[in-house]
Full PDB file with SEQRES, HELIX, SHEET, SSBOND, CRYST1, ORIGX, SCALE, CONECT and MASTER records, all heavy atoms in Angstrom:
SEQRES   1 A   32  ARG TYR SER VAL SER MET LYS LEU TYR GLU LEU GLU GLU          
SEQRES   2 A   32  GLY LEU ALA LYS ARG SER PHE VAL ARG ILE SER ARG SER          
SEQRES   3 A   32  GLU ILE VAL ASN TYR ARG                                      
HELIX    1 AA1 LEU A    8  LEU A   15  1                                   8    
HELIX    2 AA2 ALA A   16  ARG A   18  5                                   3    
SHEET    1 AA1 2 PHE A  20  SER A  24  0                                        
SHEET    2 AA1 2 GLU A  27  ASN A  30 -1                                        
CRYST1    1.000    1.000    1.000  90.00  90.00  90.00 P 1           1          
ORIGX1      1.000000  0.000000  0.000000        0.00000                         
ORIGX2      0.000000  1.000000  0.000000        0.00000                         
ORIGX3      0.000000  0.000000  1.000000        0.00000                         
SCALE1      1.000000  0.000000  0.000000        0.00000                         
SCALE2      0.000000  1.000000  0.000000        0.00000                         
SCALE3      0.000000  0.000000  1.000000        0.00000                         
ATOM      1  N   ARG A   1      47.397  37.461 -43.035  1.00  0.00           N  
ATOM      2  CA  ARG A   1      46.910  36.632 -41.933  1.00  0.00           C  
ATOM      3  C   ARG A   1      46.710  37.508 -40.707  1.00  0.00           C  
ATOM      4  O   ARG A   1      47.523  38.393 -40.429  1.00  0.00           O  
ATOM      5  CB  ARG A   1      47.922  35.538 -41.644  1.00  0.00           C  
ATOM      6  CG  ARG A   1      47.454  34.527 -40.619  1.00  0.00           C  
ATOM      7  CD  ARG A   1      48.465  33.435 -40.492  1.00  0.00           C  
ATOM      8  NE  ARG A   1      49.225  33.650 -39.263  1.00  0.00           N  
ATOM      9  CZ  ARG A   1      49.669  32.693 -38.484  1.00  0.00           C  
ATOM     10  NH1 ARG A   1      49.475  31.434 -38.804  1.00  0.00           N  
ATOM     11  NH2 ARG A   1      50.332  32.973 -37.394  1.00  0.00           N  
ATOM     12  N   TYR A   2      45.628  37.243 -39.977  1.00  0.00           N  
ATOM     13  CA  TYR A   2      45.284  38.033 -38.801  1.00  0.00           C  
ATOM     14  C   TYR A   2      44.987  37.116 -37.622  1.00  0.00           C  
ATOM     15  O   TYR A   2      44.521  35.999 -37.804  1.00  0.00           O  
ATOM     16  CB  TYR A   2      44.030  38.878 -39.072  1.00  0.00           C  
ATOM     17  CG  TYR A   2      44.086  39.677 -40.345  1.00  0.00           C  
ATOM     18  CD1 TYR A   2      43.543  39.184 -41.526  1.00  0.00           C  
ATOM     19  CD2 TYR A   2      44.697  40.922 -40.376  1.00  0.00           C  
ATOM     20  CE1 TYR A   2      43.595  39.911 -42.698  1.00  0.00           C  
ATOM     21  CE2 TYR A   2      44.754  41.665 -41.551  1.00  0.00           C  
ATOM     22  CZ  TYR A   2      44.203  41.148 -42.702  1.00  0.00           C  
ATOM     23  OH  TYR A   2      44.269  41.866 -43.860  1.00  0.00           O  
ATOM     24  N   SER A   3      45.208  37.644 -36.443  1.00  0.00           N  
ATOM     25  CA  SER A   3      44.799  36.964 -35.218  1.00  0.00           C  
ATOM     26  C   SER A   3      43.479  37.588 -34.774  1.00  0.00           C  
ATOM     27  O   SER A   3      43.329  38.808 -34.806  1.00  0.00           O  
ATOM     28  CB  SER A   3      45.872  37.176 -34.145  1.00  0.00           C  
ATOM     29  OG  SER A   3      45.438  36.661 -32.914  1.00  0.00           O  
ATOM     30  N   VAL A   4      42.524  36.751 -34.401  1.00  0.00           N  
ATOM     31  CA  VAL A   4      41.241  37.258 -33.919  1.00  0.00           C  
ATOM     32  C   VAL A   4      40.996  36.727 -32.520  1.00  0.00           C  
ATOM     33  O   VAL A   4      41.457  35.653 -32.151  1.00  0.00           O  
ATOM     34  CB  VAL A   4      40.068  36.882 -34.862  1.00  0.00           C  
ATOM     35  CG1 VAL A   4      40.224  37.549 -36.203  1.00  0.00           C  
ATOM     36  CG2 VAL A   4      39.945  35.393 -35.028  1.00  0.00           C  
ATOM     37  N   SER A   5      40.260  37.510 -31.719  1.00  0.00           N  
ATOM     38  CA  SER A   5      40.048  37.131 -30.322  1.00  0.00           C  
ATOM     39  C   SER A   5      38.828  36.238 -30.122  1.00  0.00           C  
ATOM     40  O   SER A   5      38.645  35.679 -29.049  1.00  0.00           O  
ATOM     41  CB  SER A   5      39.913  38.387 -29.460  1.00  0.00           C  
ATOM     42  OG  SER A   5      38.818  39.159 -29.906  1.00  0.00           O  
ATOM     43  N   MET A   6      37.999  36.081 -31.131  1.00  0.00           N  
ATOM     44  CA  MET A   6      36.804  35.255 -30.997  1.00  0.00           C  
ATOM     45  C   MET A   6      37.153  33.774 -31.120  1.00  0.00           C  
ATOM     46  O   MET A   6      38.150  33.410 -31.737  1.00  0.00           O  
ATOM     47  CB  MET A   6      35.780  35.637 -32.073  1.00  0.00           C  
ATOM     48  CG  MET A   6      35.271  37.058 -31.930  1.00  0.00           C  
ATOM     49  SD  MET A   6      34.181  37.531 -33.289  1.00  0.00           S  
ATOM     50  CE  MET A   6      32.718  36.597 -32.861  1.00  0.00           C  
ATOM     51  N   LYS A   7      36.315  32.945 -30.549  1.00  0.00           N  
ATOM     52  CA  LYS A   7      36.459  31.491 -30.679  1.00  0.00           C  
ATOM     53  C   LYS A   7      35.889  31.073 -32.030  1.00  0.00           C  
ATOM     54  O   LYS A   7      35.029  31.740 -32.597  1.00  0.00           O  
ATOM     55  CB  LYS A   7      35.697  30.765 -29.569  1.00  0.00           C  
ATOM     56  CG  LYS A   7      36.115  31.176 -28.178  1.00  0.00           C  
ATOM     57  CD  LYS A   7      37.409  30.529 -27.823  1.00  0.00           C  
ATOM     58  CE  LYS A   7      37.730  30.793 -26.358  1.00  0.00           C  
ATOM     59  NZ  LYS A   7      39.127  31.018 -26.143  1.00  0.00           N  
ATOM     60  N   LEU A   8      36.348  29.947 -32.527  1.00  0.00           N  
ATOM     61  CA  LEU A   8      35.910  29.463 -33.832  1.00  0.00           C  
ATOM     62  C   LEU A   8      34.397  29.220 -33.850  1.00  0.00           C  
ATOM     63  O   LEU A   8      33.722  29.571 -34.821  1.00  0.00           O  
ATOM     64  CB  LEU A   8      36.673  28.190 -34.195  1.00  0.00           C  
ATOM     65  CG  LEU A   8      36.784  27.851 -35.663  1.00  0.00           C  
ATOM     66  CD1 LEU A   8      37.397  28.977 -36.463  1.00  0.00           C  
ATOM     67  CD2 LEU A   8      37.585  26.583 -35.859  1.00  0.00           C  
ATOM     68  N   TYR A   9      33.843  28.651 -32.798  1.00  0.00           N  
ATOM     69  CA  TYR A   9      32.401  28.390 -32.774  1.00  0.00           C  
ATOM     70  C   TYR A   9      31.601  29.693 -32.768  1.00  0.00           C  
ATOM     71  O   TYR A   9      30.511  29.758 -33.341  1.00  0.00           O  
ATOM     72  CB  TYR A   9      32.001  27.484 -31.609  1.00  0.00           C  
ATOM     73  CG  TYR A   9      32.014  28.142 -30.245  1.00  0.00           C  
ATOM     74  CD1 TYR A   9      30.876  28.785 -29.764  1.00  0.00           C  
ATOM     75  CD2 TYR A   9      33.143  28.106 -29.439  1.00  0.00           C  
ATOM     76  CE1 TYR A   9      30.878  29.396 -28.512  1.00  0.00           C  
ATOM     77  CE2 TYR A   9      33.153  28.708 -28.199  1.00  0.00           C  
ATOM     78  CZ  TYR A   9      32.013  29.346 -27.735  1.00  0.00           C  
ATOM     79  OH  TYR A   9      32.017  29.941 -26.503  1.00  0.00           O  
ATOM     80  N   GLU A  10      32.137  30.765 -32.158  1.00  0.00           N  
ATOM     81  CA  GLU A  10      31.461  32.062 -32.172  1.00  0.00           C  
ATOM     82  C   GLU A  10      31.448  32.640 -33.585  1.00  0.00           C  
ATOM     83  O   GLU A  10      30.433  33.181 -34.036  1.00  0.00           O  
ATOM     84  CB  GLU A  10      32.156  33.041 -31.224  1.00  0.00           C  
ATOM     85  CG  GLU A  10      32.072  32.665 -29.770  1.00  0.00           C  
ATOM     86  CD  GLU A  10      32.961  33.527 -28.880  1.00  0.00           C  
ATOM     87  OE1 GLU A  10      34.018  34.005 -29.348  1.00  0.00           O  
ATOM     88  OE2 GLU A  10      32.595  33.703 -27.710  1.00  0.00           O  
ATOM     89  N   LEU A  11      32.566  32.512 -34.264  1.00  0.00           N  
ATOM     90  CA  LEU A  11      32.646  32.975 -35.647  1.00  0.00           C  
ATOM     91  C   LEU A  11      31.697  32.176 -36.532  1.00  0.00           C  
ATOM     92  O   LEU A  11      30.981  32.734 -37.358  1.00  0.00           O  
ATOM     93  CB  LEU A  11      34.079  32.860 -36.170  1.00  0.00           C  
ATOM     94  CG  LEU A  11      35.071  33.839 -35.568  1.00  0.00           C  
ATOM     95  CD1 LEU A  11      36.500  33.375 -35.827  1.00  0.00           C  
ATOM     96  CD2 LEU A  11      34.845  35.226 -36.124  1.00  0.00           C  
ATOM     97  N   GLU A  12      31.664  30.872 -36.341  1.00  0.00           N  
ATOM     98  CA  GLU A  12      30.797  30.013 -37.137  1.00  0.00           C  
ATOM     99  C   GLU A  12      29.332  30.402 -36.955  1.00  0.00           C  
ATOM    100  O   GLU A  12      28.589  30.531 -37.929  1.00  0.00           O  
ATOM    101  CB  GLU A  12      30.996  28.553 -36.753  1.00  0.00           C  
ATOM    102  CG  GLU A  12      30.123  27.602 -37.537  1.00  0.00           C  
ATOM    103  CD  GLU A  12      30.291  26.161 -37.108  1.00  0.00           C  
ATOM    104  OE1 GLU A  12      30.745  25.912 -35.980  1.00  0.00           O  
ATOM    105  OE2 GLU A  12      29.941  25.284 -37.913  1.00  0.00           O  
ATOM    106  N   GLU A  13      28.907  30.622 -35.715  1.00  0.00           N  
ATOM    107  CA  GLU A  13      27.519  31.010 -35.439  1.00  0.00           C  
ATOM    108  C   GLU A  13      27.187  32.357 -36.085  1.00  0.00           C  
ATOM    109  O   GLU A  13      26.132  32.523 -36.680  1.00  0.00           O  
ATOM    110  CB  GLU A  13      27.273  31.091 -33.937  1.00  0.00           C  
ATOM    111  CG  GLU A  13      27.242  29.749 -33.244  1.00  0.00           C  
ATOM    112  CD  GLU A  13      27.229  29.869 -31.724  1.00  0.00           C  
ATOM    113  OE1 GLU A  13      27.165  31.004 -31.186  1.00  0.00           O  
ATOM    114  OE2 GLU A  13      27.286  28.815 -31.073  1.00  0.00           O  
ATOM    115  N   GLY A  14      28.091  33.313 -35.965  1.00  0.00           N  
ATOM    116  CA  GLY A  14      27.837  34.644 -36.503  1.00  0.00           C  
ATOM    117  C   GLY A  14      27.932  34.750 -38.008  1.00  0.00           C  
ATOM    118  O   GLY A  14      27.322  35.618 -38.615  1.00  0.00           O  
ATOM    119  N   LEU A  15      28.697  33.849 -38.612  1.00  0.00           N  
ATOM    120  CA  LEU A  15      28.948  33.949 -40.050  1.00  0.00           C  
ATOM    121  C   LEU A  15      28.264  32.873 -40.885  1.00  0.00           C  
ATOM    122  O   LEU A  15      28.432  32.837 -42.098  1.00  0.00           O  
ATOM    123  CB  LEU A  15      30.457  33.904 -40.314  1.00  0.00           C  
ATOM    124  CG  LEU A  15      31.266  35.037 -39.705  1.00  0.00           C  
ATOM    125  CD1 LEU A  15      32.761  34.751 -39.820  1.00  0.00           C  
ATOM    126  CD2 LEU A  15      30.917  36.356 -40.351  1.00  0.00           C  
ATOM    127  N   ALA A  16      27.474  32.031 -40.247  1.00  0.00           N  
ATOM    128  CA  ALA A  16      26.837  30.924 -40.969  1.00  0.00           C  
ATOM    129  C   ALA A  16      25.973  31.415 -42.117  1.00  0.00           C  
ATOM    130  O   ALA A  16      25.939  30.808 -43.181  1.00  0.00           O  
ATOM    131  CB  ALA A  16      26.008  30.079 -40.002  1.00  0.00           C  
ATOM    132  N   LYS A  17      25.283  32.527 -41.917  1.00  0.00           N  
ATOM    133  CA  LYS A  17      24.422  33.042 -42.986  1.00  0.00           C  
ATOM    134  C   LYS A  17      25.190  33.919 -43.964  1.00  0.00           C  
ATOM    135  O   LYS A  17      24.615  34.466 -44.886  1.00  0.00           O  
ATOM    136  CB  LYS A  17      23.251  33.810 -42.383  1.00  0.00           C  
ATOM    137  CG  LYS A  17      23.642  34.987 -41.525  1.00  0.00           C  
ATOM    138  CD  LYS A  17      22.424  35.631 -40.886  1.00  0.00           C  
ATOM    139  CE  LYS A  17      22.815  36.741 -39.960  1.00  0.00           C  
ATOM    140  NZ  LYS A  17      23.260  36.335 -38.658  1.00  0.00           N  
ATOM    141  N   ARG A  18      26.492  34.034 -43.778  1.00  0.00           N  
ATOM    142  CA  ARG A  18      27.314  34.912 -44.618  1.00  0.00           C  
ATOM    143  C   ARG A  18      28.345  34.132 -45.427  1.00  0.00           C  
ATOM    144  O   ARG A  18      29.474  34.551 -45.572  1.00  0.00           O  
ATOM    145  CB  ARG A  18      28.056  35.918 -43.735  1.00  0.00           C  
ATOM    146  CG  ARG A  18      27.204  36.800 -42.902  1.00  0.00           C  
ATOM    147  CD  ARG A  18      27.019  38.199 -43.414  1.00  0.00           C  
ATOM    148  NE  ARG A  18      27.990  38.753 -44.265  1.00  0.00           N  
ATOM    149  CZ  ARG A  18      28.907  39.641 -43.924  1.00  0.00           C  
ATOM    150  NH1 ARG A  18      29.012  40.051 -42.693  1.00  0.00           N  
ATOM    151  NH2 ARG A  18      29.707  40.136 -44.813  1.00  0.00           N  
ATOM    152  N   SER A  19      27.988  32.979 -45.917  1.00  0.00           N  
ATOM    153  CA  SER A  19      28.844  32.218 -46.834  1.00  0.00           C  
ATOM    154  C   SER A  19      29.976  31.450 -46.158  1.00  0.00           C  
ATOM    155  O   SER A  19      30.900  31.025 -46.835  1.00  0.00           O  
ATOM    156  CB  SER A  19      29.450  33.124 -47.911  1.00  0.00           C  
ATOM    157  OG  SER A  19      28.468  33.874 -48.536  1.00  0.00           O  
ATOM    158  N   PHE A  20      29.939  31.275 -44.852  1.00  0.00           N  
ATOM    159  CA  PHE A  20      30.979  30.513 -44.172  1.00  0.00           C  
ATOM    160  C   PHE A  20      30.426  29.153 -43.763  1.00  0.00           C  
ATOM    161  O   PHE A  20      29.278  29.036 -43.344  1.00  0.00           O  
ATOM    162  CB  PHE A  20      31.497  31.262 -42.943  1.00  0.00           C  
ATOM    163  CG  PHE A  20      32.435  32.378 -43.287  1.00  0.00           C  
ATOM    164  CD1 PHE A  20      31.941  33.616 -43.661  1.00  0.00           C  
ATOM    165  CD2 PHE A  20      33.805  32.197 -43.256  1.00  0.00           C  
ATOM    166  CE1 PHE A  20      32.790  34.653 -43.991  1.00  0.00           C  
ATOM    167  CE2 PHE A  20      34.675  33.221 -43.590  1.00  0.00           C  
ATOM    168  CZ  PHE A  20      34.162  34.461 -43.958  1.00  0.00           C  
ATOM    169  N   VAL A  21      31.261  28.141 -43.889  1.00  0.00           N  
ATOM    170  CA  VAL A  21      30.864  26.788 -43.549  1.00  0.00           C  
ATOM    171  C   VAL A  21      32.043  26.077 -42.880  1.00  0.00           C  
ATOM    172  O   VAL A  21      33.203  26.302 -43.238  1.00  0.00           O  
ATOM    173  CB  VAL A  21      30.392  26.018 -44.806  1.00  0.00           C  
ATOM    174  CG1 VAL A  21      31.510  25.884 -45.826  1.00  0.00           C  
ATOM    175  CG2 VAL A  21      29.801  24.678 -44.442  1.00  0.00           C  
ATOM    176  N   ARG A  22      31.729  25.231 -41.898  1.00  0.00           N  
ATOM    177  CA  ARG A  22      32.781  24.470 -41.215  1.00  0.00           C  
ATOM    178  C   ARG A  22      33.214  23.318 -42.106  1.00  0.00           C  
ATOM    179  O   ARG A  22      32.392  22.581 -42.630  1.00  0.00           O  
ATOM    180  CB  ARG A  22      32.282  23.933 -39.879  1.00  0.00           C  
ATOM    181  CG  ARG A  22      33.394  23.232 -39.102  1.00  0.00           C  
ATOM    182  CD  ARG A  22      32.950  22.835 -37.720  1.00  0.00           C  
ATOM    183  NE  ARG A  22      32.823  23.972 -36.823  1.00  0.00           N  
ATOM    184  CZ  ARG A  22      33.807  24.447 -36.055  1.00  0.00           C  
ATOM    185  NH1 ARG A  22      35.009  23.906 -36.098  1.00  0.00           N  
ATOM    186  NH2 ARG A  22      33.591  25.458 -35.247  1.00  0.00           N  
ATOM    187  N   ILE A  23      34.529  23.182 -42.271  1.00  0.00           N  
ATOM    188  CA  ILE A  23      35.055  22.080 -43.078  1.00  0.00           C  
ATOM    189  C   ILE A  23      35.814  21.071 -42.235  1.00  0.00           C  
ATOM    190  O   ILE A  23      36.089  19.968 -42.690  1.00  0.00           O  
ATOM    191  CB  ILE A  23      35.952  22.588 -44.226  1.00  0.00           C  
ATOM    192  CG1 ILE A  23      37.162  23.333 -43.698  1.00  0.00           C  
ATOM    193  CG2 ILE A  23      35.141  23.426 -45.207  1.00  0.00           C  
ATOM    194  CD1 ILE A  23      38.259  23.526 -44.727  1.00  0.00           C  
ATOM    195  N   SER A  24      36.163  21.462 -41.007  1.00  0.00           N  
ATOM    196  CA  SER A  24      36.835  20.545 -40.097  1.00  0.00           C  
ATOM    197  C   SER A  24      36.655  21.066 -38.674  1.00  0.00           C  
ATOM    198  O   SER A  24      36.096  22.143 -38.469  1.00  0.00           O  
ATOM    199  CB  SER A  24      38.332  20.437 -40.425  1.00  0.00           C  
ATOM    200  OG  SER A  24      38.995  21.638 -40.112  1.00  0.00           O  
ATOM    201  N   ARG A  25      37.141  20.307 -37.716  1.00  0.00           N  
ATOM    202  CA  ARG A  25      37.033  20.722 -36.315  1.00  0.00           C  
ATOM    203  C   ARG A  25      37.740  22.040 -36.052  1.00  0.00           C  
ATOM    204  O   ARG A  25      37.365  22.804 -35.175  1.00  0.00           O  
ATOM    205  CB  ARG A  25      37.626  19.623 -35.434  1.00  0.00           C  
ATOM    206  CG  ARG A  25      36.997  19.532 -34.096  1.00  0.00           C  
ATOM    207  CD  ARG A  25      37.441  18.278 -33.400  1.00  0.00           C  
ATOM    208  NE  ARG A  25      38.115  18.702 -32.184  1.00  0.00           N  
ATOM    209  CZ  ARG A  25      39.126  18.097 -31.633  1.00  0.00           C  
ATOM    210  NH1 ARG A  25      39.614  17.019 -32.188  1.00  0.00           N  
ATOM    211  NH2 ARG A  25      39.649  18.555 -30.536  1.00  0.00           N  
ATOM    212  N   SER A  26      38.740  22.337 -36.865  1.00  0.00           N  
ATOM    213  CA  SER A  26      39.552  23.518 -36.599  1.00  0.00           C  
ATOM    214  C   SER A  26      39.485  24.598 -37.672  1.00  0.00           C  
ATOM    215  O   SER A  26      40.280  25.532 -37.652  1.00  0.00           O  
ATOM    216  CB  SER A  26      41.014  23.096 -36.417  1.00  0.00           C  
ATOM    217  OG  SER A  26      41.486  22.492 -37.599  1.00  0.00           O  
ATOM    218  N   GLU A  27      38.518  24.495 -38.606  1.00  0.00           N  
ATOM    219  CA  GLU A  27      38.498  25.501 -39.674  1.00  0.00           C  
ATOM    220  C   GLU A  27      37.105  25.712 -40.260  1.00  0.00           C  
ATOM    221  O   GLU A  27      36.342  24.774 -40.440  1.00  0.00           O  
ATOM    222  CB  GLU A  27      39.457  25.085 -40.795  1.00  0.00           C  
ATOM    223  CG  GLU A  27      39.658  26.129 -41.854  1.00  0.00           C  
ATOM    224  CD  GLU A  27      40.827  25.816 -42.774  1.00  0.00           C  
ATOM    225  OE1 GLU A  27      41.295  24.666 -42.815  1.00  0.00           O  
ATOM    226  OE2 GLU A  27      41.273  26.750 -43.464  1.00  0.00           O  
ATOM    227  N   ILE A  28      36.822  26.993 -40.561  1.00  0.00           N  
ATOM    228  CA  ILE A  28      35.642  27.352 -41.348  1.00  0.00           C  
ATOM    229  C   ILE A  28      36.131  28.182 -42.531  1.00  0.00           C  
ATOM    230  O   ILE A  28      37.117  28.906 -42.413  1.00  0.00           O  
ATOM    231  CB  ILE A  28      34.574  28.118 -40.527  1.00  0.00           C  
ATOM    232  CG1 ILE A  28      35.117  29.421 -39.946  1.00  0.00           C  
ATOM    233  CG2 ILE A  28      33.983  27.250 -39.441  1.00  0.00           C  
ATOM    234  CD1 ILE A  28      34.074  30.268 -39.235  1.00  0.00           C  
ATOM    235  N   VAL A  29      35.463  28.038 -43.675  1.00  0.00           N  
ATOM    236  CA  VAL A  29      35.886  28.752 -44.877  1.00  0.00           C  
ATOM    237  C   VAL A  29      34.726  29.533 -45.474  1.00  0.00           C  
ATOM    238  O   VAL A  29      33.565  29.202 -45.271  1.00  0.00           O  
ATOM    239  CB  VAL A  29      36.481  27.816 -45.957  1.00  0.00           C  
ATOM    240  CG1 VAL A  29      37.728  27.120 -45.475  1.00  0.00           C  
ATOM    241  CG2 VAL A  29      35.457  26.832 -46.472  1.00  0.00           C  
ATOM    242  N   ASN A  30      35.082  30.569 -46.219  1.00  0.00           N  
ATOM    243  CA  ASN A  30      34.119  31.350 -46.984  1.00  0.00           C  
ATOM    244  C   ASN A  30      33.954  30.636 -48.317  1.00  0.00           C  
ATOM    245  O   ASN A  30      34.830  30.686 -49.171  1.00  0.00           O  
ATOM    246  CB  ASN A  30      34.647  32.765 -47.189  1.00  0.00           C  
ATOM    247  CG  ASN A  30      33.676  33.670 -47.887  1.00  0.00           C  
ATOM    248  OD1 ASN A  30      32.761  33.227 -48.550  1.00  0.00           O  
ATOM    249  ND2 ASN A  30      33.894  34.967 -47.753  1.00  0.00           N  
ATOM    250  N   TYR A  31      32.815  29.930 -48.485  1.00  0.00           N  
ATOM    251  CA  TYR A  31      32.679  29.115 -49.686  1.00  0.00           C  
ATOM    252  C   TYR A  31      32.566  29.938 -50.962  1.00  0.00           C  
ATOM    253  O   TYR A  31      32.760  29.419 -52.051  1.00  0.00           O  
ATOM    254  CB  TYR A  31      31.544  28.094 -49.577  1.00  0.00           C  
ATOM    255  CG  TYR A  31      30.150  28.658 -49.419  1.00  0.00           C  
ATOM    256  CD1 TYR A  31      29.420  29.106 -50.502  1.00  0.00           C  
ATOM    257  CD2 TYR A  31      29.556  28.706 -48.164  1.00  0.00           C  
ATOM    258  CE1 TYR A  31      28.142  29.596 -50.348  1.00  0.00           C  
ATOM    259  CE2 TYR A  31      28.275  29.187 -48.001  1.00  0.00           C  
ATOM    260  CZ  TYR A  31      27.572  29.629 -49.098  1.00  0.00           C  
ATOM    261  OH  TYR A  31      26.308  30.113 -48.946  1.00  0.00           O  
ATOM    262  N   ARG A  32      32.335  31.234 -50.859  1.00  0.00           N  
ATOM    263  CA  ARG A  32      32.315  32.085 -52.056  1.00  0.00           C  
ATOM    264  C   ARG A  32      33.741  32.418 -52.522  1.00  0.00           C  
ATOM    265  O   ARG A  32      33.927  32.962 -53.595  1.00  0.00           O  
ATOM    266  CB  ARG A  32      31.540  33.365 -51.792  1.00  0.00           C  
ATOM    267  CG  ARG A  32      30.096  33.085 -51.446  1.00  0.00           C  
ATOM    268  CD  ARG A  32      29.231  34.268 -51.721  1.00  0.00           C  
ATOM    269  NE  ARG A  32      27.886  34.050 -51.267  1.00  0.00           N  
ATOM    270  CZ  ARG A  32      26.970  33.351 -51.927  1.00  0.00           C  
ATOM    271  NH1 ARG A  32      27.272  32.798 -53.068  1.00  0.00           N  
ATOM    272  NH2 ARG A  32      25.756  33.191 -51.447  1.00  0.00           N  
TER     273      ARG A  32                                                      
MASTER        0    0    0    2    2    0    0    6  272    1    0    3          
END                                                                             
């Protein structure tokens, strides 16, 4: 487990095309 300095919405925007999808208000997962 790691701590990251980015906000969840920033990660979601940057990783949307990389197999990540939001599953709840507080979490995004790598669907692969």
